[in-house]
Amino acid sequence: MALMAGRMLSRADLDALPDDGLRHELIDGSFVMTPAPGMAHQDFAFALARALHAATEGTDLKVVMAPYDVAIGAHVVEPDIVVAPRVAFTERDLQMTPLLVVEVRSPSTAWLDEGRKRSIYQEWGVAHYWLADPAEPSITILELVDGRYEQAQFARNNEVLTVSKPLTVDMTPGKLVQG
């Protein structure tokens, strides 16, 4: 598909892309495509999503894993894990600011997760942003304070991470990476 250089791309352009197994996101009017994640990334993301899912039982919150579109302003991103009120999810996407976004670091996406996507989440008021790293293994908890992310917690390997918002969950990164 040929696109005109210099033109801001839209959701319609994104939707016209073929399903090729790559992660397609629309950031700042440009397509960002990254390869499918590796097994360590997927195992860690799945274990983390499972722990979050267990923590949402009996609440009005829902946990969804990528690939799933989150429309934030003119951006369409695919966080590894997103948590929001159950009623806000549609078959196609989430069109509200999530309560929690989790990005699992990969060599091919760390620059984006820790750079522009972090800025987008901060700008659009995502109150809780977690960066998970299966290689270390670790989880960094960032919370929005006066419009800026501040590190609230950090745990690596066999340190227990106790989180109370936006949901209550205890996690040990070293155990999560083992699946």
N, C-alpha and C. Protein backbone atom coordinates (compact mmCIF):
# COMPACT_ATOMS: atom_id res chain seq x y z
N MET A 1 0.85 -1.16 0.00
CA MET A 1 0.00 0.00 0.00
C MET A 1 0.90 1.23 0.00
N ALA A 2 0.70 2.11 -0.92
CA ALA A 2 1.50 3.33 -1.02
C ALA A 2 0.80 4.46 -0.29
N LEU A 3 1.56 5.20 0.51
CA LEU A 3 1.01 6.35 1.23
C LEU A 3 1.78 7.58 0.80
N MET A 4 1.10 8.69 0.74
CA MET A 4 1.75 9.94 0.34
C MET A 4 2.66 10.43 1.46
N ALA A 5 3.89 10.76 1.07
CA ALA A 5 4.85 11.27 2.05
C ALA A 5 4.36 12.61 2.59
N GLY A 6 4.59 12.84 3.87
CA GLY A 6 4.24 14.11 4.47
C GLY A 6 2.81 14.22 4.94
N ARG A 7 2.00 13.22 4.71
CA ARG A 7 0.60 13.25 5.12
C ARG A 7 0.45 12.59 6.48
N MET A 8 -0.30 13.22 7.36
CA MET A 8 -0.60 12.60 8.66
C MET A 8 -1.53 11.42 8.41
N LEU A 9 -1.17 10.28 8.94
CA LEU A 9 -1.98 9.08 8.75
C LEU A 9 -3.08 9.03 9.79
N SER A 10 -4.13 8.27 9.48
CA SER A 10 -5.32 8.23 10.33
C SER A 10 -5.64 6.80 10.73
N ARG A 11 -6.65 6.68 11.57
CA ARG A 11 -7.14 5.37 11.97
C ARG A 11 -7.61 4.58 10.74
N ALA A 12 -8.22 5.25 9.77
CA ALA A 12 -8.67 4.57 8.55
C ALA A 12 -7.48 3.98 7.80
N ASP A 13 -6.36 4.70 7.75
CA ASP A 13 -5.15 4.17 7.11
C ASP A 13 -4.64 2.95 7.87
N LEU A 14 -4.66 3.03 9.19
CA LEU A 14 -4.22 1.91 10.02
C LEU A 14 -5.10 0.69 9.78
N ASP A 15 -6.40 0.90 9.73
CA ASP A 15 -7.34 -0.20 9.53
C ASP A 15 -7.19 -0.85 8.16
N ALA A 16 -6.65 -0.11 7.18
CA ALA A 16 -6.49 -0.64 5.82
C ALA A 16 -5.25 -1.52 5.67
N LEU A 17 -4.39 -1.56 6.68
CA LEU A 17 -3.18 -2.38 6.59
C LEU A 17 -3.54 -3.86 6.63
N PRO A 18 -2.75 -4.69 5.94
CA PRO A 18 -3.00 -6.14 5.98
C PRO A 18 -2.64 -6.72 7.35
N ASP A 19 -3.24 -7.83 7.70
CA ASP A 19 -2.92 -8.54 8.93
C ASP A 19 -1.67 -9.38 8.65
N ASP A 20 -0.50 -8.84 8.98
CA ASP A 20 0.75 -9.49 8.63
C ASP A 20 1.53 -10.02 9.84
N GLY A 21 0.91 -10.03 11.01
CA GLY A 21 1.57 -10.56 12.19
C GLY A 21 2.44 -9.55 12.92
N LEU A 22 2.61 -8.37 12.36
CA LEU A 22 3.38 -7.32 13.03
C LEU A 22 2.44 -6.47 13.88
N ARG A 23 3.01 -5.82 14.86
CA ARG A 23 2.23 -4.90 15.69
C ARG A 23 2.23 -3.55 14.99
N HIS A 24 1.06 -3.09 14.61
CA HIS A 24 0.91 -1.81 13.92
C HIS A 24 0.29 -0.81 14.89
N GLU A 25 0.97 0.32 15.08
CA GLU A 25 0.46 1.38 15.93
C GLU A 25 0.50 2.69 15.16
N LEU A 26 -0.36 3.60 15.55
CA LEU A 26 -0.42 4.93 14.94
C LEU A 26 -0.01 5.94 16.00
N ILE A 27 1.17 6.51 15.83
CA ILE A 27 1.72 7.44 16.82
C ILE A 27 2.16 8.71 16.10
N ASP A 28 1.62 9.83 16.55
CA ASP A 28 1.96 11.13 15.96
C ASP A 28 1.72 11.16 14.45
N GLY A 29 0.66 10.49 13.99
CA GLY A 29 0.31 10.51 12.58
C GLY A 29 1.17 9.63 11.70
N SER A 30 2.00 8.78 12.30
CA SER A 30 2.87 7.87 11.55
C SER A 30 2.65 6.44 12.01
N PHE A 31 2.87 5.50 11.10
CA PHE A 31 2.80 4.10 11.48
C PHE A 31 4.09 3.71 12.20
N VAL A 32 3.95 2.93 13.24
CA VAL A 32 5.08 2.32 13.91
C VAL A 32 4.80 0.83 13.89
N MET A 33 5.72 0.07 13.29
CA MET A 33 5.53 -1.37 13.19
C MET A 33 6.70 -2.05 13.89
N THR A 34 6.39 -3.03 14.72
CA THR A 34 7.42 -3.78 15.42
C THR A 34 7.16 -5.26 15.21
N PRO A 35 8.22 -6.07 15.27
CA PRO A 35 8.04 -7.51 15.06
C PRO A 35 7.29 -8.15 16.22
N ALA A 36 6.80 -9.34 15.96
CA ALA A 36 6.14 -10.11 17.02
C ALA A 36 7.15 -10.34 18.14
N PRO A 37 6.70 -10.31 19.39
CA PRO A 37 7.63 -10.49 20.51
C PRO A 37 8.12 -11.93 20.61
N GLY A 38 9.24 -12.09 21.33
CA GLY A 38 9.82 -13.41 21.55
C GLY A 38 9.13 -14.16 22.68
N MET A 39 9.56 -15.39 22.88
CA MET A 39 8.92 -16.28 23.86
C MET A 39 9.07 -15.77 25.29
N ALA A 40 10.26 -15.27 25.67
CA ALA A 40 10.44 -14.77 27.04
C ALA A 40 9.48 -13.61 27.32
N HIS A 41 9.32 -12.73 26.36
CA HIS A 41 8.39 -11.61 26.48
C HIS A 41 6.98 -12.13 26.67
N GLN A 42 6.56 -13.06 25.84
CA GLN A 42 5.19 -13.57 25.89
C GLN A 42 4.92 -14.32 27.18
N ASP A 43 5.86 -15.14 27.62
CA ASP A 43 5.68 -15.88 28.88
C ASP A 43 5.52 -14.92 30.05
N PHE A 44 6.37 -13.89 30.10
CA PHE A 44 6.32 -12.92 31.20
C PHE A 44 5.02 -12.12 31.15
N ALA A 45 4.64 -11.69 29.95
CA ALA A 45 3.39 -10.92 29.79
C ALA A 45 2.19 -11.76 30.19
N PHE A 46 2.17 -13.03 29.79
CA PHE A 46 1.04 -13.89 30.12
C PHE A 46 0.95 -14.11 31.63
N ALA A 47 2.08 -14.38 32.28
CA ALA A 47 2.07 -14.59 33.74
C ALA A 47 1.63 -13.33 34.47
N LEU A 48 2.07 -12.18 34.00
CA LEU A 48 1.67 -10.91 34.61
C LEU A 48 0.19 -10.65 34.39
N ALA A 49 -0.30 -10.90 33.19
CA ALA A 49 -1.73 -10.71 32.90
C ALA A 49 -2.58 -11.66 33.73
N ARG A 50 -2.10 -12.88 33.93
CA ARG A 50 -2.83 -13.85 34.75
C ARG A 50 -2.94 -13.35 36.19
N ALA A 51 -1.85 -12.80 36.73
CA ALA A 51 -1.88 -12.27 38.11
C ALA A 51 -2.83 -11.08 38.20
N LEU A 52 -2.80 -10.21 37.20
CA LEU A 52 -3.71 -9.06 37.19
C LEU A 52 -5.16 -9.49 37.03
N HIS A 53 -5.38 -10.49 36.18
CA HIS A 53 -6.74 -10.99 35.98
C HIS A 53 -7.31 -11.53 37.30
N ALA A 54 -6.52 -12.28 38.02
CA ALA A 54 -6.97 -12.82 39.31
C ALA A 54 -7.32 -11.68 40.27
N ALA A 55 -6.56 -10.59 40.20
CA ALA A 55 -6.81 -9.45 41.09
C ALA A 55 -8.07 -8.67 40.70
N THR A 56 -8.55 -8.83 39.48
CA THR A 56 -9.75 -8.09 39.05
C THR A 56 -11.03 -8.87 39.27
N GLU A 57 -10.93 -10.12 39.68
CA GLU A 57 -12.15 -10.91 39.90
C GLU A 57 -13.00 -10.24 40.96
N GLY A 58 -14.29 -10.13 40.67
CA GLY A 58 -15.22 -9.49 41.59
C GLY A 58 -15.22 -7.98 41.51
N THR A 59 -14.48 -7.42 40.55
CA THR A 59 -14.46 -5.96 40.36
C THR A 59 -15.08 -5.63 39.01
N ASP A 60 -15.17 -4.36 38.70
CA ASP A 60 -15.68 -3.94 37.39
C ASP A 60 -14.56 -3.74 36.39
N LEU A 61 -13.34 -4.21 36.71
CA LEU A 61 -12.19 -4.04 35.84
C LEU A 61 -11.95 -5.27 34.97
N LYS A 62 -11.34 -5.02 33.81
CA LYS A 62 -11.02 -6.09 32.87
C LYS A 62 -9.56 -5.93 32.45
N VAL A 63 -8.88 -7.07 32.25
CA VAL A 63 -7.50 -7.12 31.78
C VAL A 63 -7.50 -7.66 30.36
N VAL A 64 -6.84 -6.95 29.45
CA VAL A 64 -6.76 -7.39 28.06
C VAL A 64 -5.30 -7.34 27.62
N MET A 65 -4.87 -8.39 26.91
CA MET A 65 -3.50 -8.46 26.38
C MET A 65 -3.48 -8.07 24.91
N ALA A 66 -2.32 -7.64 24.44
CA ALA A 66 -2.11 -7.36 23.02
C ALA A 66 -2.23 -8.68 22.24
N PRO A 67 -2.64 -8.61 21.01
CA PRO A 67 -2.95 -7.41 20.26
C PRO A 67 -4.37 -6.91 20.52
N TYR A 68 -4.48 -5.67 20.94
CA TYR A 68 -5.76 -5.01 21.15
C TYR A 68 -5.50 -3.51 21.10
N ASP A 69 -6.27 -2.81 20.30
CA ASP A 69 -6.05 -1.38 20.11
C ASP A 69 -6.59 -0.55 21.26
N VAL A 70 -5.80 0.45 21.63
CA VAL A 70 -6.21 1.46 22.60
C VAL A 70 -6.11 2.80 21.88
N ALA A 71 -7.25 3.45 21.68
CA ALA A 71 -7.30 4.74 20.99
C ALA A 71 -7.20 5.85 22.02
N ILE A 72 -6.08 6.57 21.99
CA ILE A 72 -5.84 7.66 22.92
C ILE A 72 -5.61 8.91 22.08
N GLY A 73 -6.60 9.78 22.03
CA GLY A 73 -6.50 10.94 21.15
C GLY A 73 -6.39 10.46 19.71
N ALA A 74 -5.43 11.00 18.98
CA ALA A 74 -5.21 10.60 17.59
C ALA A 74 -4.29 9.38 17.49
N HIS A 75 -3.81 8.88 18.62
CA HIS A 75 -2.91 7.73 18.64
C HIS A 75 -3.71 6.44 18.77
N VAL A 76 -3.19 5.38 18.16
CA VAL A 76 -3.73 4.03 18.37
C VAL A 76 -2.54 3.16 18.74
N VAL A 77 -2.50 2.74 19.99
CA VAL A 77 -1.38 1.96 20.51
C VAL A 77 -1.86 0.58 20.91
N GLU A 78 -0.90 -0.34 21.04
CA GLU A 78 -1.20 -1.70 21.48
C GLU A 78 -0.32 -2.04 22.67
N PRO A 79 -0.71 -1.61 23.87
CA PRO A 79 0.08 -1.99 25.04
C PRO A 79 0.06 -3.51 25.21
N ASP A 80 1.09 -4.03 25.87
CA ASP A 80 1.12 -5.47 26.11
C ASP A 80 -0.05 -5.90 26.98
N ILE A 81 -0.37 -5.08 27.99
CA ILE A 81 -1.49 -5.36 28.89
C ILE A 81 -2.17 -4.03 29.19
N VAL A 82 -3.49 -4.04 29.22
CA VAL A 82 -4.24 -2.84 29.56
C VAL A 82 -5.35 -3.22 30.54
N VAL A 83 -5.58 -2.35 31.53
CA VAL A 83 -6.65 -2.55 32.51
C VAL A 83 -7.53 -1.31 32.49
N ALA A 84 -8.84 -1.54 32.38
CA ALA A 84 -9.82 -0.46 32.35
C ALA A 84 -11.16 -1.02 32.82
N PRO A 85 -12.14 -0.15 33.05
CA PRO A 85 -13.47 -0.66 33.39
C PRO A 85 -14.00 -1.60 32.30
N ARG A 86 -14.56 -2.70 32.71
CA ARG A 86 -15.07 -3.72 31.79
C ARG A 86 -15.99 -3.14 30.72
N VAL A 87 -16.86 -2.21 31.10
CA VAL A 87 -17.84 -1.66 30.16
C VAL A 87 -17.21 -0.78 29.09
N ALA A 88 -15.96 -0.38 29.26
CA ALA A 88 -15.31 0.53 28.31
C ALA A 88 -14.73 -0.19 27.09
N PHE A 89 -14.56 -1.51 27.19
CA PHE A 89 -13.98 -2.26 26.08
C PHE A 89 -15.04 -2.57 25.03
N THR A 90 -14.68 -2.37 23.77
CA THR A 90 -15.55 -2.78 22.67
C THR A 90 -14.88 -3.96 21.96
N GLU A 91 -15.56 -4.53 21.00
CA GLU A 91 -14.98 -5.62 20.23
C GLU A 91 -13.71 -5.16 19.51
N ARG A 92 -13.68 -3.89 19.13
CA ARG A 92 -12.59 -3.35 18.32
C ARG A 92 -11.46 -2.72 19.12
N ASP A 93 -11.82 -1.92 20.15
CA ASP A 93 -10.79 -1.17 20.84
C ASP A 93 -11.30 -0.58 22.15
N LEU A 94 -10.39 0.05 22.86
CA LEU A 94 -10.70 0.81 24.06
C LEU A 94 -10.54 2.28 23.69
N GLN A 95 -11.61 3.05 23.84
CA GLN A 95 -11.57 4.46 23.46
C GLN A 95 -11.67 5.37 24.68
N MET A 96 -10.91 5.05 25.68
CA MET A 96 -10.82 5.88 26.87
C MET A 96 -9.42 5.71 27.44
N THR A 97 -9.05 6.59 28.33
CA THR A 97 -7.76 6.46 28.99
C THR A 97 -7.81 5.27 29.94
N PRO A 98 -6.92 4.30 29.76
CA PRO A 98 -6.91 3.14 30.66
C PRO A 98 -6.48 3.53 32.07
N LEU A 99 -6.82 2.68 33.03
CA LEU A 99 -6.36 2.89 34.41
C LEU A 99 -4.90 2.47 34.55
N LEU A 100 -4.55 1.39 33.84
CA LEU A 100 -3.21 0.82 33.92
C LEU A 100 -2.78 0.34 32.55
N VAL A 101 -1.54 0.66 32.20
CA VAL A 101 -0.91 0.13 31.00
C VAL A 101 0.38 -0.55 31.43
N VAL A 102 0.61 -1.75 30.90
CA VAL A 102 1.85 -2.48 31.15
C VAL A 102 2.54 -2.71 29.81
N GLU A 103 3.80 -2.34 29.74
CA GLU A 103 4.62 -2.65 28.57
C GLU A 103 5.73 -3.57 29.04
N VAL A 104 5.92 -4.67 28.32
CA VAL A 104 6.97 -5.64 28.62
C VAL A 104 8.12 -5.34 27.66
N ARG A 105 9.28 -5.08 28.21
CA ARG A 105 10.44 -4.69 27.40
C ARG A 105 10.88 -5.83 26.48
N SER A 106 11.19 -5.44 25.27
CA SER A 106 11.83 -6.30 24.28
C SER A 106 12.94 -5.48 23.66
N PRO A 107 13.99 -6.12 23.16
CA PRO A 107 15.05 -5.34 22.51
C PRO A 107 14.51 -4.45 21.39
N SER A 108 13.48 -4.91 20.69
CA SER A 108 12.97 -4.15 19.54
C SER A 108 11.99 -3.05 19.92
N THR A 109 11.49 -3.02 21.16
CA THR A 109 10.48 -2.03 21.52
C THR A 109 10.83 -1.16 22.73
N ALA A 110 11.93 -1.42 23.40
CA ALA A 110 12.27 -0.67 24.61
C ALA A 110 12.34 0.83 24.34
N TRP A 111 12.91 1.22 23.22
CA TRP A 111 13.03 2.64 22.86
C TRP A 111 11.67 3.31 22.78
N LEU A 112 10.69 2.59 22.27
CA LEU A 112 9.34 3.13 22.11
C LEU A 112 8.58 3.13 23.44
N ASP A 113 8.66 2.01 24.17
CA ASP A 113 7.95 1.88 25.44
C ASP A 113 8.42 2.90 26.47
N GLU A 114 9.72 3.16 26.48
CA GLU A 114 10.29 4.07 27.48
C GLU A 114 10.38 5.51 26.97
N GLY A 115 10.06 5.71 25.71
CA GLY A 115 10.14 7.03 25.11
C GLY A 115 8.78 7.60 24.77
N ARG A 116 8.42 7.52 23.50
CA ARG A 116 7.21 8.19 23.03
C ARG A 116 5.94 7.63 23.65
N LYS A 117 5.83 6.30 23.78
CA LYS A 117 4.60 5.76 24.36
C LYS A 117 4.45 6.20 25.82
N ARG A 118 5.54 6.22 26.55
CA ARG A 118 5.48 6.73 27.93
C ARG A 118 4.97 8.16 27.93
N SER A 119 5.46 8.99 27.01
CA SER A 119 5.00 10.39 26.92
C SER A 119 3.52 10.48 26.60
N ILE A 120 3.06 9.62 25.69
CA ILE A 120 1.64 9.61 25.32
C ILE A 120 0.79 9.23 26.53
N TYR A 121 1.18 8.17 27.22
CA TYR A 121 0.41 7.73 28.39
C TYR A 121 0.37 8.82 29.45
N GLN A 122 1.50 9.47 29.66
CA GLN A 122 1.57 10.56 30.64
C GLN A 122 0.68 11.72 30.21
N GLU A 123 0.79 12.12 28.96
CA GLU A 123 0.02 13.25 28.43
C GLU A 123 -1.48 13.00 28.52
N TRP A 124 -1.91 11.77 28.31
CA TRP A 124 -3.34 11.44 28.30
C TRP A 124 -3.85 10.95 29.64
N GLY A 125 -3.01 11.03 30.68
CA GLY A 125 -3.49 10.78 32.03
C GLY A 125 -3.64 9.34 32.45
N VAL A 126 -2.84 8.43 31.87
CA VAL A 126 -2.85 7.04 32.33
C VAL A 126 -2.19 7.05 33.71
N ALA A 127 -2.98 6.80 34.74
CA ALA A 127 -2.51 6.98 36.12
C ALA A 127 -1.42 6.00 36.53
N HIS A 128 -1.44 4.81 35.95
CA HIS A 128 -0.49 3.76 36.36
C HIS A 128 0.16 3.17 35.11
N TYR A 129 1.48 3.22 35.06
CA TYR A 129 2.24 2.69 33.93
C TYR A 129 3.34 1.80 34.49
N TRP A 130 3.31 0.54 34.06
CA TRP A 130 4.30 -0.42 34.53
C TRP A 130 5.20 -0.81 33.38
N LEU A 131 6.49 -0.88 33.67
CA LEU A 131 7.48 -1.39 32.72
C LEU A 131 8.02 -2.69 33.30
N ALA A 132 7.79 -3.77 32.58
CA ALA A 132 8.23 -5.09 33.02
C ALA A 132 9.37 -5.55 32.13
N ASP A 133 10.38 -6.13 32.74
CA ASP A 133 11.56 -6.57 31.99
C ASP A 133 11.83 -8.05 32.28
N PRO A 134 11.55 -8.94 31.32
CA PRO A 134 11.77 -10.36 31.55
C PRO A 134 13.25 -10.72 31.63
N ALA A 135 14.14 -9.92 31.07
CA ALA A 135 15.56 -10.24 31.07
C ALA A 135 16.17 -10.08 32.46
N GLU A 136 15.69 -9.12 33.25
CA GLU A 136 16.30 -8.86 34.57
C GLU A 136 15.87 -9.87 35.62
N PRO A 137 14.78 -10.38 35.86
CA PRO A 137 13.43 -9.87 35.63
C PRO A 137 13.09 -8.79 36.67
N SER A 138 12.29 -7.81 36.22
CA SER A 138 11.91 -6.72 37.12
C SER A 138 10.60 -6.09 36.67
N ILE A 139 10.01 -5.33 37.60
CA ILE A 139 8.82 -4.53 37.30
C ILE A 139 9.03 -3.16 37.94
N THR A 140 8.87 -2.13 37.13
CA THR A 140 8.93 -0.75 37.59
C THR A 140 7.53 -0.18 37.55
N ILE A 141 7.07 0.33 38.69
CA ILE A 141 5.73 0.91 38.80
C ILE A 141 5.87 2.43 38.75
N LEU A 142 5.24 3.04 37.75
CA LEU A 142 5.22 4.49 37.63
C LEU A 142 3.80 4.97 37.90
N GLU A 143 3.68 6.06 38.66
CA GLU A 143 2.37 6.65 38.94
C GLU A 143 2.39 8.11 38.53
N LEU A 144 1.26 8.56 38.02
CA LEU A 144 1.12 9.94 37.58
C LEU A 144 0.91 10.84 38.80
N VAL A 145 1.83 11.77 39.00
CA VAL A 145 1.77 12.72 40.11
C VAL A 145 1.93 14.12 39.51
N ASP A 146 0.90 14.94 39.65
CA ASP A 146 0.92 16.30 39.09
C ASP A 146 1.30 16.30 37.61
N GLY A 147 0.74 15.34 36.87
CA GLY A 147 0.93 15.29 35.43
C GLY A 147 2.23 14.68 34.95
N ARG A 148 3.06 14.14 35.86
CA ARG A 148 4.34 13.53 35.48
C ARG A 148 4.48 12.18 36.15
N TYR A 149 5.13 11.25 35.44
CA TYR A 149 5.36 9.94 36.04
C TYR A 149 6.49 10.00 37.05
N GLU A 150 6.23 9.38 38.20
CA GLU A 150 7.24 9.19 39.22
C GLU A 150 7.30 7.71 39.56
N GLN A 151 8.51 7.21 39.80
CA GLN A 151 8.64 5.81 40.17
C GLN A 151 8.10 5.62 41.58
N ALA A 152 7.08 4.77 41.70
CA ALA A 152 6.46 4.51 42.99
C ALA A 152 7.05 3.26 43.64
N GLN A 153 7.37 2.26 42.80
CA GLN A 153 7.90 1.00 43.32
C GLN A 153 8.79 0.35 42.26
N PHE A 154 9.65 -0.54 42.74
CA PHE A 154 10.50 -1.32 41.85
C PHE A 154 10.81 -2.62 42.55
N ALA A 155 10.75 -3.72 41.82
CA ALA A 155 11.14 -5.01 42.37
C ALA A 155 11.85 -5.81 41.29
N ARG A 156 12.85 -6.57 41.70
CA ARG A 156 13.55 -7.44 40.76
C ARG A 156 13.72 -8.83 41.37
N ASN A 157 13.90 -9.78 40.50
CA ASN A 157 14.15 -11.17 40.86
C ASN A 157 13.13 -11.68 41.88
N ASN A 158 13.58 -12.01 43.09
CA ASN A 158 12.69 -12.62 44.08
C ASN A 158 12.14 -11.63 45.11
N GLU A 159 12.24 -10.34 44.82
CA GLU A 159 11.63 -9.34 45.70
C GLU A 159 10.12 -9.33 45.45
N VAL A 160 9.37 -9.25 46.53
CA VAL A 160 7.91 -9.23 46.41
C VAL A 160 7.46 -7.80 46.17
N LEU A 161 6.61 -7.63 45.18
CA LEU A 161 6.04 -6.34 44.84
C LEU A 161 4.58 -6.35 45.29
N THR A 162 4.23 -5.48 46.22
CA THR A 162 2.86 -5.38 46.71
C THR A 162 2.26 -4.09 46.17
N VAL A 163 1.23 -4.25 45.35
CA VAL A 163 0.59 -3.12 44.68
C VAL A 163 -0.82 -2.97 45.24
N SER A 164 -1.24 -1.72 45.49
CA SER A 164 -2.58 -1.49 46.02
C SER A 164 -3.47 -0.68 45.09
N LYS A 165 -2.90 -0.11 44.02
CA LYS A 165 -3.74 0.62 43.08
C LYS A 165 -3.19 0.49 41.66
N PRO A 166 -4.01 0.39 40.68
CA PRO A 166 -5.47 0.51 40.71
C PRO A 166 -6.17 -0.76 41.17
N LEU A 167 -5.37 -1.80 41.47
CA LEU A 167 -5.92 -3.03 42.03
C LEU A 167 -4.90 -3.59 43.00
N THR A 168 -5.31 -4.54 43.81
CA THR A 168 -4.43 -5.09 44.83
C THR A 168 -3.87 -6.42 44.35
N VAL A 169 -2.54 -6.50 44.32
CA VAL A 169 -1.89 -7.73 43.85
C VAL A 169 -0.47 -7.79 44.40
N ASP A 170 -0.04 -9.00 44.73
CA ASP A 170 1.35 -9.27 45.13
C ASP A 170 2.00 -10.06 44.00
N MET A 171 3.20 -9.65 43.60
CA MET A 171 3.90 -10.33 42.51
C MET A 171 5.38 -10.41 42.84
N THR A 172 6.01 -11.46 42.32
CA THR A 172 7.45 -11.63 42.41
C THR A 172 7.97 -11.78 40.99
N PRO A 173 8.70 -10.79 40.47
CA PRO A 173 9.14 -10.86 39.08
C PRO A 173 9.85 -12.16 38.71
N GLY A 174 10.70 -12.66 39.60
CA GLY A 174 11.42 -13.90 39.31
C GLY A 174 10.50 -15.09 39.14
N LYS A 175 9.42 -15.12 39.88
CA LYS A 175 8.44 -16.22 39.74
C LYS A 175 7.61 -16.04 38.48
N LEU A 176 7.29 -14.80 38.13
CA LEU A 176 6.51 -14.55 36.92
C LEU A 176 7.27 -14.97 35.68
N VAL A 177 8.57 -14.73 35.66
CA VAL A 177 9.36 -15.06 34.48
C VAL A 177 9.49 -16.57 34.30
N GLN A 178 9.31 -17.32 35.38
CA GLN A 178 9.35 -18.78 35.29
C GLN A 178 8.04 -19.34 34.76
N GLY A 179 7.03 -18.48 34.67
CA GLY A 179 5.73 -18.90 34.15
C GLY A 179 4.96 -19.59 35.20
